[in-house]
């Protein structure tokens, strides 16, 4: 078992990136596993420790964490095949530690809201609730890497609200803010779970569509 100070030493580099992967892929385990593997390739075996700590709060060394992670992925696929339906990775992790690997006591499979409020504030536009430009830049870089790795495509949809200045001039900035908020709500309801909508600036909004070409 690792000392807590070693887990803490992972936080400035690997752990926040692992958290980001879980946050960005709450429902798509296939992409989640791909993104986490990319982190493993980049940062090495210590990434396994960070993954297991985020997922279960267990403090494992690199070898233990690697074996558990690989076993959980395998267990998830075996459960899905046996039951004839998709089993989520978190469900498989819970079953793995309860039914398969019982040598590790009291794992905590956490419900991953992932980021604390301070991190959320740094990632989201405070008025619309959409992602901010800083996070958008990060997402685009990640999608470029994933598209290159998988030889796939993604699209970026850029929009701005017509005559928005007139709304502010004629009805005041509070009215303009209300329009932006309603627009953001409408966009959030219409996009797919894997899509990323961000406020680029002012009345400009950008949507990143993974695994989507310009014809789709």
Protein backbone atom coordinates (compact mmCIF):
# COMPACT_ATOMS: atom_id res chain seq x y z
CA UNK A 1 0.00 0.00 0.00
CA UNK A 2 1.20 3.48 -0.77
CA UNK A 3 1.64 6.25 1.70
CA UNK A 4 -0.74 9.15 1.24
CA UNK A 5 2.11 11.54 0.53
CA UNK A 6 2.94 9.49 -2.56
CA UNK A 7 -0.66 9.76 -3.80
CA UNK A 8 -0.49 13.50 -3.17
CA UNK A 9 2.69 13.69 -5.22
CA UNK A 10 0.71 12.47 -8.25
CA UNK A 11 -1.86 15.24 -8.05
CA UNK A 12 0.02 18.08 -9.75
CA UNK A 13 0.50 16.03 -12.93
CA UNK A 14 -1.28 12.73 -13.46
CA UNK A 15 -4.27 12.74 -11.12
CA UNK A 16 -5.98 15.91 -12.46
CA UNK A 17 -5.63 14.54 -15.98
CA UNK A 18 -7.18 11.24 -14.90
CA UNK A 19 -10.02 13.16 -13.26
CA UNK A 20 -10.55 15.10 -16.47
CA UNK A 21 -10.85 11.87 -18.46
CA UNK A 22 -13.53 10.53 -16.13
CA UNK A 23 -15.39 13.83 -16.19
CA UNK A 24 -15.38 14.13 -19.98
CA UNK A 25 -16.56 10.55 -20.51
CA UNK A 26 -19.26 9.82 -17.93
CA UNK A 27 -21.17 7.47 -20.23
CA UNK A 28 -18.74 6.33 -22.94
CA UNK A 29 -16.39 3.79 -21.38
CA UNK A 30 -14.70 2.94 -24.68
CA UNK A 31 -13.46 6.49 -25.17
CA UNK A 32 -12.67 6.76 -21.47
CA UNK A 33 -10.39 3.72 -21.64
CA UNK A 34 -8.70 5.09 -24.77
CA UNK A 35 -8.07 8.45 -23.11
CA UNK A 36 -6.70 6.81 -19.97
CA UNK A 37 -4.44 4.58 -22.06
CA UNK A 38 -3.06 7.70 -23.74
CA UNK A 39 -2.18 9.04 -20.29
CA UNK A 40 -0.55 5.72 -19.39
CA UNK A 41 1.53 5.87 -22.57
CA UNK A 42 2.60 9.43 -21.74
CA UNK A 43 3.17 9.32 -17.97
CA UNK A 44 3.99 5.68 -17.42
CA UNK A 45 2.98 3.14 -14.75
CA UNK A 46 2.25 5.74 -12.05
CA UNK A 47 -0.90 6.54 -14.04
CA UNK A 48 -2.37 3.19 -12.96
CA UNK A 49 -2.01 4.26 -9.35
CA UNK A 50 -3.82 7.52 -10.06
CA UNK A 51 -6.63 5.74 -11.95
CA UNK A 52 -7.31 3.28 -9.14
CA UNK A 53 -7.16 6.01 -6.51
CA UNK A 54 -9.68 8.15 -8.43
CA UNK A 55 -11.95 5.19 -9.06
CA UNK A 56 -11.80 3.45 -5.68
CA UNK A 57 -9.74 5.56 -3.24
CA UNK A 58 -7.37 2.59 -2.92
CA UNK A 59 -3.69 3.43 -2.52
CA UNK A 60 -1.94 0.78 -4.62
CA UNK A 61 1.58 0.56 -5.99
CA UNK A 62 2.06 0.63 -9.74
CA UNK A 63 2.10 -3.14 -10.22
CA UNK A 64 -0.99 -3.75 -8.08
CA UNK A 65 -2.84 -0.90 -9.76
CA UNK A 66 -1.93 -2.07 -13.26
CA UNK A 67 -3.16 -5.61 -12.59
CA UNK A 68 -6.40 -4.37 -11.00
CA UNK A 69 -7.08 -1.97 -13.88
CA UNK A 70 -6.50 -4.61 -16.55
CA UNK A 71 -8.60 -7.11 -14.58
CA UNK A 72 -11.45 -4.59 -14.21
CA UNK A 73 -11.53 -3.92 -17.96
CA UNK A 74 -11.54 -7.66 -18.67
CA UNK A 75 -14.20 -8.26 -16.02
CA UNK A 76 -16.37 -5.52 -17.53
CA UNK A 77 -16.26 -7.15 -20.96
CA UNK A 78 -16.94 -10.62 -19.55
CA UNK A 79 -19.94 -9.34 -17.57
CA UNK A 80 -21.31 -7.58 -20.65
CA UNK A 81 -21.00 -10.74 -22.74
CA UNK A 82 -22.55 -12.91 -20.05
CA UNK A 83 -25.53 -10.62 -19.45
CA UNK A 84 -26.03 -9.63 -23.09
CA UNK A 85 -26.00 -5.90 -22.34
CA UNK A 86 -23.45 -3.20 -21.71
CA UNK A 87 -22.10 -3.10 -18.18
CA UNK A 88 -20.56 0.18 -17.07
CA UNK A 89 -16.95 0.25 -15.98
CA UNK A 90 -17.80 1.56 -12.50
CA UNK A 91 -20.29 -1.30 -12.00
CA UNK A 92 -17.67 -3.81 -13.09
CA UNK A 93 -15.11 -2.26 -10.72
CA UNK A 94 -17.51 -2.59 -7.81
CA UNK A 95 -18.32 -6.21 -8.67
CA UNK A 96 -14.64 -7.01 -9.23
CA UNK A 97 -13.61 -5.93 -5.74
CA UNK A 98 -16.67 -7.49 -4.13
CA UNK A 99 -16.66 -10.83 -5.98
CA UNK A 100 -13.29 -11.43 -7.66
CA UNK A 101 -10.48 -9.66 -5.84
CA UNK A 102 -11.49 -9.92 -2.22
CA UNK A 103 -7.93 -9.58 -0.92
CA UNK A 104 -8.27 -5.79 -0.94
CA UNK A 105 -10.61 -4.70 1.81
CA UNK A 106 -13.14 -1.88 1.74
CA UNK A 107 -12.64 -0.26 -1.67
CA UNK A 108 -14.75 2.84 -2.21
CA UNK A 109 -16.10 3.12 -5.76
CA UNK A 110 -16.95 6.79 -5.85
CA UNK A 111 -19.70 8.56 -7.75
CA UNK A 112 -17.55 10.70 -9.99
CA UNK A 113 -18.71 14.26 -10.08
CA UNK A 114 -14.94 14.48 -10.40
CA UNK A 115 -13.98 18.08 -9.85
CA UNK A 116 -14.36 20.12 -6.73
CA UNK A 117 -16.24 23.41 -7.01
CA UNK A 118 -13.00 25.34 -7.40
CA UNK A 119 -12.01 23.23 -10.39
CA UNK A 120 -15.47 23.56 -11.90
CA UNK A 121 -15.25 27.33 -11.58
CA UNK A 122 -11.96 27.26 -13.48
CA UNK A 123 -13.48 25.17 -16.28
CA UNK A 124 -16.95 26.64 -16.78
CA UNK A 125 -18.29 30.00 -17.84
CA UNK A 126 -20.00 31.30 -14.69
CA UNK A 127 -23.01 32.83 -16.45
CA UNK A 128 -24.02 30.25 -19.05
CA UNK A 129 -22.65 27.13 -17.40
CA UNK A 130 -20.99 26.15 -20.69
CA UNK A 131 -17.31 25.37 -20.74
CA UNK A 132 -15.00 28.36 -20.99
CA UNK A 133 -12.42 29.15 -23.65
CA UNK A 134 -9.53 27.75 -21.63
CA UNK A 135 -11.20 24.36 -21.34
CA UNK A 136 -12.22 24.52 -25.00
CA UNK A 137 -8.57 24.87 -25.99
CA UNK A 138 -7.75 21.78 -23.93
CA UNK A 139 -10.60 19.78 -25.48
CA UNK A 140 -9.54 20.67 -29.03
CA UNK A 141 -5.96 19.61 -28.34
CA UNK A 142 -7.21 16.28 -26.93
CA UNK A 143 -9.48 15.67 -29.91
CA UNK A 144 -6.64 16.40 -32.33
CA UNK A 145 -4.48 13.83 -30.54
CA UNK A 146 -7.27 11.23 -30.43
CA UNK A 147 -8.18 11.75 -34.08
CA UNK A 148 -4.56 11.34 -35.07
CA UNK A 149 -4.23 8.23 -32.90
CA UNK A 150 -7.42 6.59 -34.19
CA UNK A 151 -7.36 7.98 -37.73
CA UNK A 152 -10.81 9.47 -37.10
CA UNK A 153 -12.44 12.86 -37.57
CA UNK A 154 -14.09 15.47 -35.40
CA UNK A 155 -15.88 18.71 -36.18
CA UNK A 156 -16.01 22.18 -34.66
CA UNK A 157 -19.23 24.18 -34.91
CA UNK A 158 -18.79 27.92 -34.44
CA UNK A 159 -21.80 30.19 -33.95
CA UNK A 160 -22.66 33.68 -32.77
CA UNK A 161 -25.97 35.37 -32.07
CA UNK A 162 -27.13 37.83 -34.72
CA UNK A 163 -27.82 41.41 -33.64
CA UNK A 164 -26.84 40.66 -30.07
CA UNK A 165 -25.51 44.18 -29.61
CA UNK A 166 -28.96 45.56 -30.39
CA UNK A 167 -30.44 43.52 -27.54
CA UNK A 168 -27.92 45.00 -25.12
CA UNK A 169 -28.41 48.53 -26.47
CA UNK A 170 -32.21 48.45 -26.55
CA UNK A 171 -33.05 46.32 -23.54
CA UNK A 172 -29.95 46.41 -21.36
CA UNK A 173 -27.20 43.94 -20.54
CA UNK A 174 -29.38 41.94 -18.15
CA UNK A 175 -31.64 41.12 -21.08
CA UNK A 176 -28.59 40.17 -23.11
CA UNK A 177 -27.41 37.90 -20.31
CA UNK A 178 -30.83 36.24 -20.18
CA UNK A 179 -30.68 35.55 -23.92
CA UNK A 180 -27.25 33.96 -23.56
CA UNK A 181 -28.40 31.79 -20.68
CA UNK A 182 -31.49 30.58 -22.57
CA UNK A 183 -29.37 29.91 -25.65
CA UNK A 184 -26.90 27.89 -23.61
CA UNK A 185 -29.72 25.87 -22.05
CA UNK A 186 -31.18 25.10 -25.49
CA UNK A 187 -27.78 24.02 -26.83
CA UNK A 188 -27.08 21.84 -23.80
CA UNK A 189 -30.38 20.01 -24.31
CA UNK A 190 -29.77 19.35 -28.01
CA UNK A 191 -26.14 18.24 -28.16
CA UNK A 192 -25.04 14.64 -27.63
CA UNK A 193 -23.51 13.57 -24.33
CA UNK A 194 -20.04 13.37 -25.91
CA UNK A 195 -20.22 16.85 -27.46
CA UNK A 196 -18.57 19.83 -25.78
CA UNK A 197 -20.22 23.27 -25.87
CA UNK A 198 -18.18 26.28 -24.79
CA UNK A 199 -18.63 30.02 -24.63
CA UNK A 200 -15.82 31.34 -26.79
CA UNK A 201 -16.41 34.97 -25.86
CA UNK A 202 -19.28 37.46 -25.81
CA UNK A 203 -22.11 35.94 -27.81
CA UNK A 204 -19.86 33.41 -29.58
CA UNK A 205 -20.35 29.71 -28.82
CA UNK A 206 -18.31 26.76 -30.05
CA UNK A 207 -19.38 23.11 -30.08
CA UNK A 208 -16.84 20.30 -30.49
CA UNK A 209 -18.31 17.12 -31.99
CA UNK A 210 -16.05 14.06 -31.50
CA UNK A 211 -16.14 11.25 -34.06
CA UNK A 212 -18.14 13.44 -36.44
CA UNK A 213 -17.23 14.55 -39.94
CA UNK A 214 -18.53 17.64 -41.69
CA UNK A 215 -21.16 15.69 -43.66
CA UNK A 216 -22.80 13.92 -40.69
